[in-house]
Amino acid sequence: QKAIDDFGIEDIWSRRMRAGKLEYEVKKRNVREKDNKYYTRDELLGMGFVHLIKQTDEKIAAKEAGLDLRPVTTTEIQK
């Protein structure tokens, strides 16, 4: 948590492959979305963001597997 506060990181939004390296899109606090920056996995690991990278990877894997979708049932619609 201290590393996140020190670097002013709000969240990791996405990732991409670029030149054979995995890059993560980082949203910083008080910075516009269009000014998000991409950092390689090694750069983020060097800054101490192991837990944040793991969370992002798990979130993306769940989304790709379709686990982020909730089935809509009749009881939920009636609520």
N, C-alpha and C. Protein backbone atom coordinates (compact mmCIF):
# COMPACT_ATOMS: atom_id res chain seq x y z
N GLN A 1 0.83 -1.19 0.00
CA GLN A 1 0.00 0.00 0.00
C GLN A 1 0.88 1.26 0.00
N LYS A 2 1.96 1.22 0.73
CA LYS A 2 2.84 2.38 0.80
C LYS A 2 3.40 2.74 -0.58
N ALA A 3 3.78 1.71 -1.35
CA ALA A 3 4.31 1.96 -2.69
C ALA A 3 3.25 2.59 -3.59
N ILE A 4 2.01 2.15 -3.45
CA ILE A 4 0.92 2.71 -4.25
C ILE A 4 0.75 4.19 -3.92
N ASP A 5 0.78 4.52 -2.63
CA ASP A 5 0.63 5.91 -2.21
C ASP A 5 1.82 6.76 -2.65
N ASP A 6 3.03 6.20 -2.55
CA ASP A 6 4.23 6.95 -2.92
C ASP A 6 4.24 7.31 -4.41
N PHE A 7 3.79 6.40 -5.26
CA PHE A 7 3.79 6.66 -6.70
C PHE A 7 2.49 7.30 -7.18
N GLY A 8 1.49 7.43 -6.30
CA GLY A 8 0.23 8.07 -6.68
C GLY A 8 -0.59 7.24 -7.65
N ILE A 9 -0.50 5.93 -7.55
CA ILE A 9 -1.23 5.06 -8.47
C ILE A 9 -2.64 4.85 -7.96
N GLU A 10 -3.60 5.00 -8.85
CA GLU A 10 -4.99 4.74 -8.51
C GLU A 10 -5.34 3.28 -8.79
N ASP A 11 -4.94 2.78 -9.97
CA ASP A 11 -5.27 1.41 -10.34
C ASP A 11 -4.55 1.03 -11.62
N ILE A 12 -4.49 -0.26 -11.89
CA ILE A 12 -4.03 -0.75 -13.19
C ILE A 12 -5.28 -1.10 -13.98
N TRP A 13 -5.43 -0.51 -15.15
CA TRP A 13 -6.66 -0.64 -15.93
C TRP A 13 -6.65 -1.78 -16.92
N SER A 14 -5.53 -1.99 -17.58
CA SER A 14 -5.49 -3.01 -18.62
C SER A 14 -4.05 -3.43 -18.86
N ARG A 15 -3.88 -4.33 -19.81
CA ARG A 15 -2.52 -4.73 -20.19
C ARG A 15 -2.51 -5.01 -21.69
N ARG A 16 -1.30 -5.01 -22.24
CA ARG A 16 -1.13 -5.28 -23.67
C ARG A 16 0.25 -5.88 -23.88
N MET A 17 0.39 -6.52 -25.05
CA MET A 17 1.70 -7.02 -25.46
C MET A 17 2.28 -6.01 -26.43
N ARG A 18 3.50 -5.59 -26.17
CA ARG A 18 4.16 -4.63 -27.04
C ARG A 18 5.62 -5.03 -27.18
N ALA A 19 6.03 -5.29 -28.38
CA ALA A 19 7.41 -5.69 -28.67
C ALA A 19 7.81 -6.91 -27.84
N GLY A 20 6.85 -7.83 -27.67
CA GLY A 20 7.13 -9.06 -26.93
C GLY A 20 7.15 -8.92 -25.43
N LYS A 21 6.79 -7.74 -24.92
CA LYS A 21 6.77 -7.52 -23.48
C LYS A 21 5.36 -7.15 -23.03
N LEU A 22 5.01 -7.62 -21.85
CA LEU A 22 3.71 -7.33 -21.28
C LEU A 22 3.76 -5.96 -20.62
N GLU A 23 2.84 -5.07 -21.02
CA GLU A 23 2.77 -3.72 -20.45
C GLU A 23 1.41 -3.52 -19.80
N TYR A 24 1.40 -2.79 -18.70
CA TYR A 24 0.18 -2.52 -17.95
C TYR A 24 -0.15 -1.02 -18.02
N GLU A 25 -1.42 -0.73 -18.25
CA GLU A 25 -1.88 0.66 -18.29
C GLU A 25 -2.17 1.11 -16.86
N VAL A 26 -1.44 2.12 -16.41
CA VAL A 26 -1.53 2.59 -15.03
C VAL A 26 -2.25 3.93 -14.98
N LYS A 27 -3.28 4.00 -14.13
CA LYS A 27 -4.01 5.24 -13.90
C LYS A 27 -3.47 5.85 -12.62
N LYS A 28 -2.98 7.09 -12.72
CA LYS A 28 -2.47 7.78 -11.54
C LYS A 28 -3.52 8.75 -11.01
N ARG A 29 -3.45 9.02 -9.73
CA ARG A 29 -4.38 9.95 -9.10
C ARG A 29 -4.17 11.36 -9.66
N ASN A 30 -5.28 12.07 -9.81
CA ASN A 30 -5.29 13.47 -10.26
C ASN A 30 -4.67 13.65 -11.65
N VAL A 31 -4.72 12.61 -12.47
CA VAL A 31 -4.22 12.69 -13.85
C VAL A 31 -5.35 12.24 -14.76
N ARG A 32 -5.53 12.94 -15.88
CA ARG A 32 -6.60 12.59 -16.82
C ARG A 32 -6.40 11.19 -17.38
N GLU A 33 -7.52 10.55 -17.74
CA GLU A 33 -7.46 9.19 -18.27
C GLU A 33 -6.63 9.11 -19.55
N LYS A 34 -6.71 10.12 -20.38
CA LYS A 34 -5.96 10.07 -21.64
C LYS A 34 -4.45 10.16 -21.41
N ASP A 35 -4.05 10.52 -20.21
CA ASP A 35 -2.63 10.62 -19.88
C ASP A 35 -2.12 9.40 -19.11
N ASN A 36 -2.91 8.31 -19.10
CA ASN A 36 -2.45 7.07 -18.47
C ASN A 36 -1.15 6.63 -19.14
N LYS A 37 -0.30 5.97 -18.38
CA LYS A 37 0.98 5.51 -18.92
C LYS A 37 1.05 3.99 -18.85
N TYR A 38 1.83 3.44 -19.76
CA TYR A 38 2.08 2.01 -19.79
C TYR A 38 3.46 1.73 -19.21
N TYR A 39 3.52 0.76 -18.31
CA TYR A 39 4.77 0.33 -17.72
C TYR A 39 4.92 -1.18 -17.96
N THR A 40 6.14 -1.62 -18.20
CA THR A 40 6.36 -3.05 -18.39
C THR A 40 6.18 -3.76 -17.04
N ARG A 41 5.96 -5.05 -17.13
CA ARG A 41 5.79 -5.86 -15.92
C ARG A 41 7.03 -5.74 -15.02
N ASP A 42 8.21 -5.77 -15.64
CA ASP A 42 9.45 -5.69 -14.87
C ASP A 42 9.58 -4.35 -14.14
N GLU A 43 9.17 -3.26 -14.80
CA GLU A 43 9.22 -1.94 -14.16
C GLU A 43 8.31 -1.90 -12.93
N LEU A 44 7.09 -2.42 -13.08
CA LEU A 44 6.15 -2.42 -11.96
C LEU A 44 6.62 -3.34 -10.83
N LEU A 45 7.19 -4.48 -11.18
CA LEU A 45 7.73 -5.37 -10.15
C LEU A 45 8.87 -4.70 -9.41
N GLY A 46 9.70 -3.95 -10.13
CA GLY A 46 10.80 -3.22 -9.52
C GLY A 46 10.33 -2.12 -8.58
N MET A 47 9.13 -1.59 -8.84
CA MET A 47 8.55 -0.56 -7.97
C MET A 47 7.84 -1.18 -6.76
N GLY A 48 7.69 -2.50 -6.77
CA GLY A 48 7.07 -3.18 -5.63
C GLY A 48 5.58 -3.42 -5.76
N PHE A 49 5.07 -3.50 -6.97
CA PHE A 49 3.63 -3.68 -7.18
C PHE A 49 3.26 -5.12 -7.51
N VAL A 50 3.85 -6.06 -6.81
CA VAL A 50 3.60 -7.49 -7.06
C VAL A 50 2.12 -7.81 -6.83
N HIS A 51 1.57 -7.35 -5.72
CA HIS A 51 0.18 -7.66 -5.37
C HIS A 51 -0.79 -7.04 -6.37
N LEU A 52 -0.54 -5.81 -6.79
CA LEU A 52 -1.42 -5.12 -7.73
C LEU A 52 -1.40 -5.81 -9.10
N ILE A 53 -0.23 -6.27 -9.54
CA ILE A 53 -0.12 -6.99 -10.80
C ILE A 53 -0.87 -8.31 -10.72
N LYS A 54 -0.73 -9.01 -9.60
CA LYS A 54 -1.42 -10.29 -9.42
C LYS A 54 -2.94 -10.08 -9.46
N GLN A 55 -3.43 -9.05 -8.79
CA GLN A 55 -4.86 -8.75 -8.80
C GLN A 55 -5.35 -8.48 -10.22
N THR A 56 -4.60 -7.68 -10.96
CA THR A 56 -4.99 -7.33 -12.33
C THR A 56 -5.00 -8.56 -13.22
N ASP A 57 -3.97 -9.40 -13.12
CA ASP A 57 -3.91 -10.62 -13.93
C ASP A 57 -5.09 -11.54 -13.63
N GLU A 58 -5.44 -11.67 -12.35
CA GLU A 58 -6.56 -12.52 -11.97
C GLU A 58 -7.89 -11.95 -12.47
N LYS A 59 -8.04 -10.63 -12.40
CA LYS A 59 -9.26 -9.98 -12.87
C LYS A 59 -9.42 -10.16 -14.38
N ILE A 60 -8.34 -9.99 -15.12
CA ILE A 60 -8.39 -10.14 -16.58
C ILE A 60 -8.65 -11.60 -16.96
N ALA A 61 -8.03 -12.53 -16.26
CA ALA A 61 -8.24 -13.96 -16.54
C ALA A 61 -9.69 -14.35 -16.28
N ALA A 62 -10.27 -13.84 -15.20
CA ALA A 62 -11.66 -14.14 -14.88
C ALA A 62 -12.59 -13.56 -15.94
N LYS A 63 -12.28 -12.37 -16.39
CA LYS A 63 -13.12 -11.73 -17.41
C LYS A 63 -13.05 -12.51 -18.73
N GLU A 64 -11.86 -12.93 -19.11
CA GLU A 64 -11.68 -13.68 -20.35
C GLU A 64 -12.36 -15.05 -20.27
N ALA A 65 -12.46 -15.62 -19.07
CA ALA A 65 -13.10 -16.92 -18.89
C ALA A 65 -14.62 -16.79 -18.75
N GLY A 66 -15.11 -15.55 -18.69
CA GLY A 66 -16.54 -15.33 -18.56
C GLY A 66 -17.04 -15.44 -17.14
N LEU A 67 -16.15 -15.43 -16.17
CA LEU A 67 -16.54 -15.57 -14.77
C LEU A 67 -17.06 -14.27 -14.16
N ASP A 68 -16.91 -13.17 -14.86
CA ASP A 68 -17.38 -11.89 -14.33
C ASP A 68 -18.86 -11.66 -14.62
N LEU A 69 -19.48 -12.56 -15.37
CA LEU A 69 -20.88 -12.42 -15.73
C LEU A 69 -21.76 -13.14 -14.71
N ARG A 70 -22.77 -12.44 -14.24
CA ARG A 70 -23.72 -13.06 -13.33
C ARG A 70 -24.95 -13.48 -14.12
N PRO A 71 -25.43 -14.67 -13.90
CA PRO A 71 -26.67 -15.06 -14.58
C PRO A 71 -27.84 -14.28 -14.01
N VAL A 72 -28.70 -13.82 -14.87
CA VAL A 72 -29.88 -13.08 -14.43
C VAL A 72 -31.00 -14.09 -14.23
N THR A 73 -31.51 -14.13 -13.01
CA THR A 73 -32.59 -15.05 -12.70
C THR A 73 -33.86 -14.25 -12.43
N THR A 74 -34.97 -14.93 -12.45
CA THR A 74 -36.25 -14.27 -12.23
C THR A 74 -36.30 -13.58 -10.88
N THR A 75 -35.76 -14.21 -9.84
CA THR A 75 -35.81 -13.61 -8.51
C THR A 75 -35.02 -12.32 -8.45
N GLU A 76 -33.92 -12.22 -9.18
CA GLU A 76 -33.14 -10.99 -9.19
C GLU A 76 -33.85 -9.87 -9.95
N ILE A 77 -34.57 -10.22 -10.97
CA ILE A 77 -35.30 -9.21 -11.74
C ILE A 77 -36.43 -8.63 -10.92
N GLN A 78 -37.07 -9.45 -10.08
CA GLN A 78 -38.20 -9.01 -9.29
C GLN A 78 -37.78 -8.14 -8.12
N LYS A 79 -36.52 -8.16 -7.71
CA LYS A 79 -36.06 -7.38 -6.56
C LYS A 79 -36.15 -5.92 -6.78
